[in-house]
């Protein structure tokens, strides 16, 4: 077993499971902020809180996309071929 095959296996696990899960959680958090904003029609403090949730959700998504770009750069530098993470079917 070579060092490159170990790194490639770890990256496949990380990118195949963790990245889609974390991005999904960030999208859900962002959508939660939007729903919270829409439901807090009369209360100004709740609206400010929900705007913070929306902002943090957008920042989290931006950071994750940026990190994905860095991961792509690093994997291309070391010659490890890793594709875009896909949701896997674990039922097989």
N, C-alpha and C. Protein backbone atom coordinates (compact mmCIF):
# COMPACT_ATOMS: atom_id res chain seq x y z
N UNK A 1 0.85 -1.17 0.00
CA UNK A 1 0.00 0.00 0.00
C UNK A 1 0.90 1.24 0.00
N UNK A 2 0.69 2.10 -0.97
CA UNK A 2 1.52 3.29 -1.09
C UNK A 2 0.88 4.46 -0.33
N UNK A 3 1.72 5.46 -0.12
CA UNK A 3 1.25 6.66 0.56
C UNK A 3 0.14 7.34 -0.24
N UNK A 4 0.29 7.37 -1.56
CA UNK A 4 -0.71 8.02 -2.41
C UNK A 4 -2.04 7.29 -2.34
N UNK A 5 -2.02 5.96 -2.28
CA UNK A 5 -3.29 5.22 -2.21
C UNK A 5 -3.97 5.43 -0.87
N UNK A 6 -3.20 5.58 0.21
CA UNK A 6 -3.78 5.86 1.52
C UNK A 6 -4.44 7.23 1.53
N UNK A 7 -3.73 8.23 1.00
CA UNK A 7 -4.28 9.59 0.93
C UNK A 7 -5.52 9.62 0.06
N UNK A 8 -5.48 8.93 -1.08
CA UNK A 8 -6.63 8.91 -1.96
C UNK A 8 -7.83 8.24 -1.30
N UNK A 9 -7.61 7.17 -0.56
CA UNK A 9 -8.70 6.51 0.15
C UNK A 9 -9.32 7.40 1.21
N UNK A 10 -8.47 8.10 1.96
CA UNK A 10 -8.98 9.02 2.99
C UNK A 10 -9.77 10.17 2.37
N UNK A 11 -9.26 10.71 1.27
CA UNK A 11 -9.96 11.81 0.61
C UNK A 11 -11.30 11.36 0.03
N UNK A 12 -11.36 10.15 -0.49
CA UNK A 12 -12.62 9.65 -1.02
C UNK A 12 -13.66 9.51 0.09
N UNK A 13 -13.23 9.03 1.23
CA UNK A 13 -14.16 8.91 2.36
C UNK A 13 -14.61 10.29 2.82
N UNK A 14 -13.65 11.19 3.00
CA UNK A 14 -13.96 12.54 3.48
C UNK A 14 -14.85 13.27 2.50
N UNK A 15 -14.50 13.26 1.24
CA UNK A 15 -15.25 14.02 0.26
C UNK A 15 -16.55 13.34 -0.13
N UNK A 16 -16.62 12.04 0.03
CA UNK A 16 -17.83 11.33 -0.34
C UNK A 16 -18.92 11.38 0.70
N UNK A 17 -18.55 11.57 1.95
CA UNK A 17 -19.55 11.54 3.03
C UNK A 17 -19.63 12.89 3.75
N UNK A 18 -18.52 13.39 4.20
CA UNK A 18 -18.54 14.56 5.07
C UNK A 18 -18.92 15.84 4.34
N UNK A 19 -18.37 16.06 3.17
CA UNK A 19 -18.62 17.33 2.48
C UNK A 19 -20.10 17.49 2.12
N UNK A 20 -20.74 16.50 1.49
CA UNK A 20 -22.18 16.69 1.21
C UNK A 20 -23.02 16.87 2.47
N UNK A 21 -22.65 16.18 3.55
CA UNK A 21 -23.39 16.31 4.79
C UNK A 21 -23.25 17.73 5.36
N UNK A 22 -22.07 18.25 5.39
CA UNK A 22 -21.84 19.59 5.95
C UNK A 22 -22.49 20.67 5.09
N UNK A 23 -22.38 20.53 3.77
CA UNK A 23 -23.02 21.51 2.88
C UNK A 23 -24.54 21.45 3.05
N UNK A 24 -25.08 20.25 3.19
CA UNK A 24 -26.52 20.11 3.40
C UNK A 24 -26.96 20.78 4.70
N UNK A 25 -26.18 20.60 5.75
CA UNK A 25 -26.50 21.24 7.02
C UNK A 25 -26.45 22.76 6.91
N UNK A 26 -25.50 23.29 6.17
CA UNK A 26 -25.41 24.74 6.00
C UNK A 26 -26.60 25.28 5.21
N UNK A 27 -27.03 24.54 4.19
CA UNK A 27 -28.20 24.97 3.42
C UNK A 27 -29.45 24.93 4.29
N UNK A 28 -29.60 23.89 5.10
CA UNK A 28 -30.75 23.80 6.00
C UNK A 28 -30.73 24.94 7.01
N UNK A 29 -29.56 25.28 7.54
CA UNK A 29 -29.43 26.38 8.49
C UNK A 29 -29.83 27.70 7.84
N UNK A 30 -29.38 27.90 6.59
CA UNK A 30 -29.74 29.11 5.85
C UNK A 30 -31.25 29.18 5.62
N UNK A 31 -31.85 28.07 5.19
CA UNK A 31 -33.29 28.05 4.97
C UNK A 31 -34.07 28.23 6.27
N UNK A 32 -33.53 27.70 7.37
CA UNK A 32 -34.14 27.91 8.68
C UNK A 32 -34.17 29.40 9.01
N UNK A 33 -33.10 30.10 8.69
CA UNK A 33 -33.06 31.55 8.93
C UNK A 33 -34.09 32.29 8.11
N UNK A 34 -34.29 31.85 6.87
CA UNK A 34 -35.30 32.49 6.02
C UNK A 34 -36.70 32.26 6.57
N UNK A 35 -36.99 31.02 6.97
CA UNK A 35 -38.31 30.72 7.54
C UNK A 35 -38.52 31.49 8.83
N UNK A 36 -37.47 31.55 9.66
CA UNK A 36 -37.55 32.29 10.92
C UNK A 36 -37.82 33.78 10.65
N UNK A 37 -37.20 34.32 9.61
CA UNK A 37 -37.41 35.72 9.25
C UNK A 37 -38.84 35.96 8.80
N UNK A 38 -39.37 35.05 8.00
CA UNK A 38 -40.73 35.22 7.51
C UNK A 38 -41.77 35.07 8.61
N UNK A 39 -41.49 34.23 9.60
CA UNK A 39 -42.45 34.02 10.68
C UNK A 39 -42.38 35.08 11.77
N UNK A 40 -41.34 35.90 11.78
CA UNK A 40 -41.21 36.94 12.80
C UNK A 40 -41.62 38.29 12.25
N UNK A 41 -42.81 38.36 11.72
CA UNK A 41 -43.27 39.56 11.01
C UNK A 41 -43.35 40.79 11.91
N UNK A 42 -43.82 40.65 13.13
CA UNK A 42 -44.04 41.82 13.96
C UNK A 42 -42.94 42.12 14.96
N UNK A 43 -42.08 41.16 15.24
CA UNK A 43 -41.08 41.32 16.29
C UNK A 43 -39.72 41.69 15.68
N UNK A 44 -39.27 42.90 15.97
CA UNK A 44 -38.02 43.40 15.37
C UNK A 44 -36.79 42.66 15.88
N UNK A 45 -36.77 42.26 17.15
CA UNK A 45 -35.60 41.56 17.68
C UNK A 45 -35.46 40.18 17.05
N UNK A 46 -36.57 39.50 16.83
CA UNK A 46 -36.52 38.19 16.18
C UNK A 46 -36.07 38.32 14.73
N UNK A 47 -36.46 39.42 14.08
CA UNK A 47 -36.03 39.64 12.71
C UNK A 47 -34.52 39.86 12.65
N UNK A 48 -33.97 40.60 13.61
CA UNK A 48 -32.52 40.81 13.64
C UNK A 48 -31.78 39.50 13.88
N UNK A 49 -32.32 38.66 14.76
CA UNK A 49 -31.72 37.35 15.02
C UNK A 49 -31.74 36.49 13.76
N UNK A 50 -32.87 36.52 13.05
CA UNK A 50 -32.97 35.70 11.86
C UNK A 50 -32.06 36.21 10.74
N UNK A 51 -31.84 37.50 10.67
CA UNK A 51 -30.90 38.06 9.69
C UNK A 51 -29.49 37.58 10.01
N UNK A 52 -29.15 37.47 11.30
CA UNK A 52 -27.84 36.93 11.68
C UNK A 52 -27.72 35.46 11.26
N UNK A 53 -28.79 34.69 11.44
CA UNK A 53 -28.77 33.29 11.03
C UNK A 53 -28.56 33.18 9.52
N UNK A 54 -29.28 33.99 8.76
CA UNK A 54 -29.13 33.98 7.31
C UNK A 54 -27.70 34.37 6.91
N UNK A 55 -27.17 35.39 7.55
CA UNK A 55 -25.80 35.83 7.25
C UNK A 55 -24.79 34.75 7.57
N UNK A 56 -24.91 34.12 8.74
CA UNK A 56 -23.96 33.06 9.09
C UNK A 56 -24.10 31.87 8.16
N UNK A 57 -25.32 31.58 7.71
CA UNK A 57 -25.51 30.50 6.75
C UNK A 57 -24.82 30.78 5.43
N UNK A 58 -24.95 32.01 4.95
CA UNK A 58 -24.28 32.39 3.71
C UNK A 58 -22.77 32.37 3.86
N UNK A 59 -22.27 32.85 5.00
CA UNK A 59 -20.82 32.83 5.24
C UNK A 59 -20.32 31.39 5.28
N UNK A 60 -21.06 30.51 5.93
CA UNK A 60 -20.66 29.11 6.01
C UNK A 60 -20.61 28.48 4.62
N UNK A 61 -21.62 28.75 3.80
CA UNK A 61 -21.62 28.21 2.44
C UNK A 61 -20.44 28.75 1.62
N UNK A 62 -20.15 30.04 1.76
CA UNK A 62 -19.03 30.64 1.05
C UNK A 62 -17.71 30.01 1.48
N UNK A 63 -17.53 29.83 2.79
CA UNK A 63 -16.30 29.23 3.29
C UNK A 63 -16.14 27.80 2.78
N UNK A 64 -17.24 27.05 2.77
CA UNK A 64 -17.17 25.65 2.31
C UNK A 64 -16.83 25.56 0.83
N UNK A 65 -17.40 26.45 0.03
CA UNK A 65 -17.07 26.45 -1.39
C UNK A 65 -15.61 26.85 -1.59
N UNK A 66 -15.14 27.80 -0.81
CA UNK A 66 -13.73 28.21 -0.89
C UNK A 66 -12.80 27.07 -0.48
N UNK A 67 -13.15 26.38 0.59
CA UNK A 67 -12.33 25.25 1.03
C UNK A 67 -12.35 24.15 -0.02
N UNK A 68 -13.51 23.93 -0.65
CA UNK A 68 -13.59 22.94 -1.71
C UNK A 68 -12.62 23.30 -2.84
N UNK A 69 -12.51 24.59 -3.17
CA UNK A 69 -11.55 25.03 -4.17
C UNK A 69 -10.12 24.74 -3.75
N UNK A 70 -9.80 24.98 -2.47
CA UNK A 70 -8.46 24.68 -1.97
C UNK A 70 -8.17 23.19 -2.00
N UNK A 71 -9.17 22.38 -1.64
CA UNK A 71 -8.99 20.92 -1.69
C UNK A 71 -8.73 20.49 -3.12
N UNK A 72 -9.45 21.06 -4.05
CA UNK A 72 -9.25 20.74 -5.46
C UNK A 72 -7.84 21.13 -5.90
N UNK A 73 -7.38 22.27 -5.48
CA UNK A 73 -6.04 22.73 -5.81
C UNK A 73 -4.98 21.79 -5.24
N UNK A 74 -5.16 21.40 -3.98
CA UNK A 74 -4.18 20.52 -3.33
C UNK A 74 -4.19 19.14 -3.97
N UNK A 75 -5.37 18.59 -4.27
CA UNK A 75 -5.41 17.26 -4.87
C UNK A 75 -4.82 17.27 -6.28
N UNK A 76 -5.02 18.36 -7.01
CA UNK A 76 -4.40 18.46 -8.33
C UNK A 76 -2.89 18.62 -8.22
N UNK A 77 -2.43 19.29 -7.18
CA UNK A 77 -0.99 19.48 -6.99
C UNK A 77 -0.30 18.15 -6.70
N UNK A 78 -0.91 17.31 -5.88
CA UNK A 78 -0.31 16.03 -5.53
C UNK A 78 -0.69 14.91 -6.49
N UNK A 79 -1.48 15.21 -7.50
CA UNK A 79 -1.81 14.23 -8.51
C UNK A 79 -2.83 13.20 -8.09
N UNK A 80 -3.59 13.51 -7.08
CA UNK A 80 -4.64 12.59 -6.62
C UNK A 80 -5.92 12.99 -7.34
N UNK A 81 -6.55 12.04 -8.01
CA UNK A 81 -7.78 12.38 -8.74
C UNK A 81 -8.98 12.18 -7.82
N UNK A 82 -9.64 13.28 -7.52
CA UNK A 82 -10.84 13.25 -6.68
C UNK A 82 -11.89 14.06 -7.42
N UNK A 83 -13.06 13.47 -7.62
CA UNK A 83 -14.13 14.16 -8.32
C UNK A 83 -14.99 14.96 -7.38
N UNK A 84 -16.03 15.52 -7.91
CA UNK A 84 -17.00 16.25 -7.10
C UNK A 84 -17.70 15.26 -6.20
N UNK A 85 -17.83 15.56 -4.91
CA UNK A 85 -18.46 14.60 -4.00
C UNK A 85 -19.90 14.32 -4.39
N UNK A 86 -20.26 13.07 -4.32
CA UNK A 86 -21.60 12.64 -4.66
C UNK A 86 -22.21 11.94 -3.44
N UNK A 87 -23.52 11.99 -3.34
CA UNK A 87 -24.18 11.22 -2.29
C UNK A 87 -24.11 9.76 -2.67
N UNK A 88 -23.67 8.95 -1.77
CA UNK A 88 -23.50 7.53 -2.06
C UNK A 88 -24.73 6.75 -1.63
N UNK A 89 -24.95 5.66 -2.31
CA UNK A 89 -26.03 4.76 -1.98
C UNK A 89 -25.46 3.65 -1.12
N UNK A 90 -25.69 3.70 0.18
CA UNK A 90 -25.12 2.74 1.12
C UNK A 90 -26.01 1.52 1.30
N UNK A 91 -27.11 1.42 0.57
CA UNK A 91 -28.03 0.30 0.74
C UNK A 91 -27.55 -0.96 0.06
N UNK A 92 -26.56 -0.85 -0.83
CA UNK A 92 -26.06 -2.03 -1.55
C UNK A 92 -25.13 -2.84 -0.71
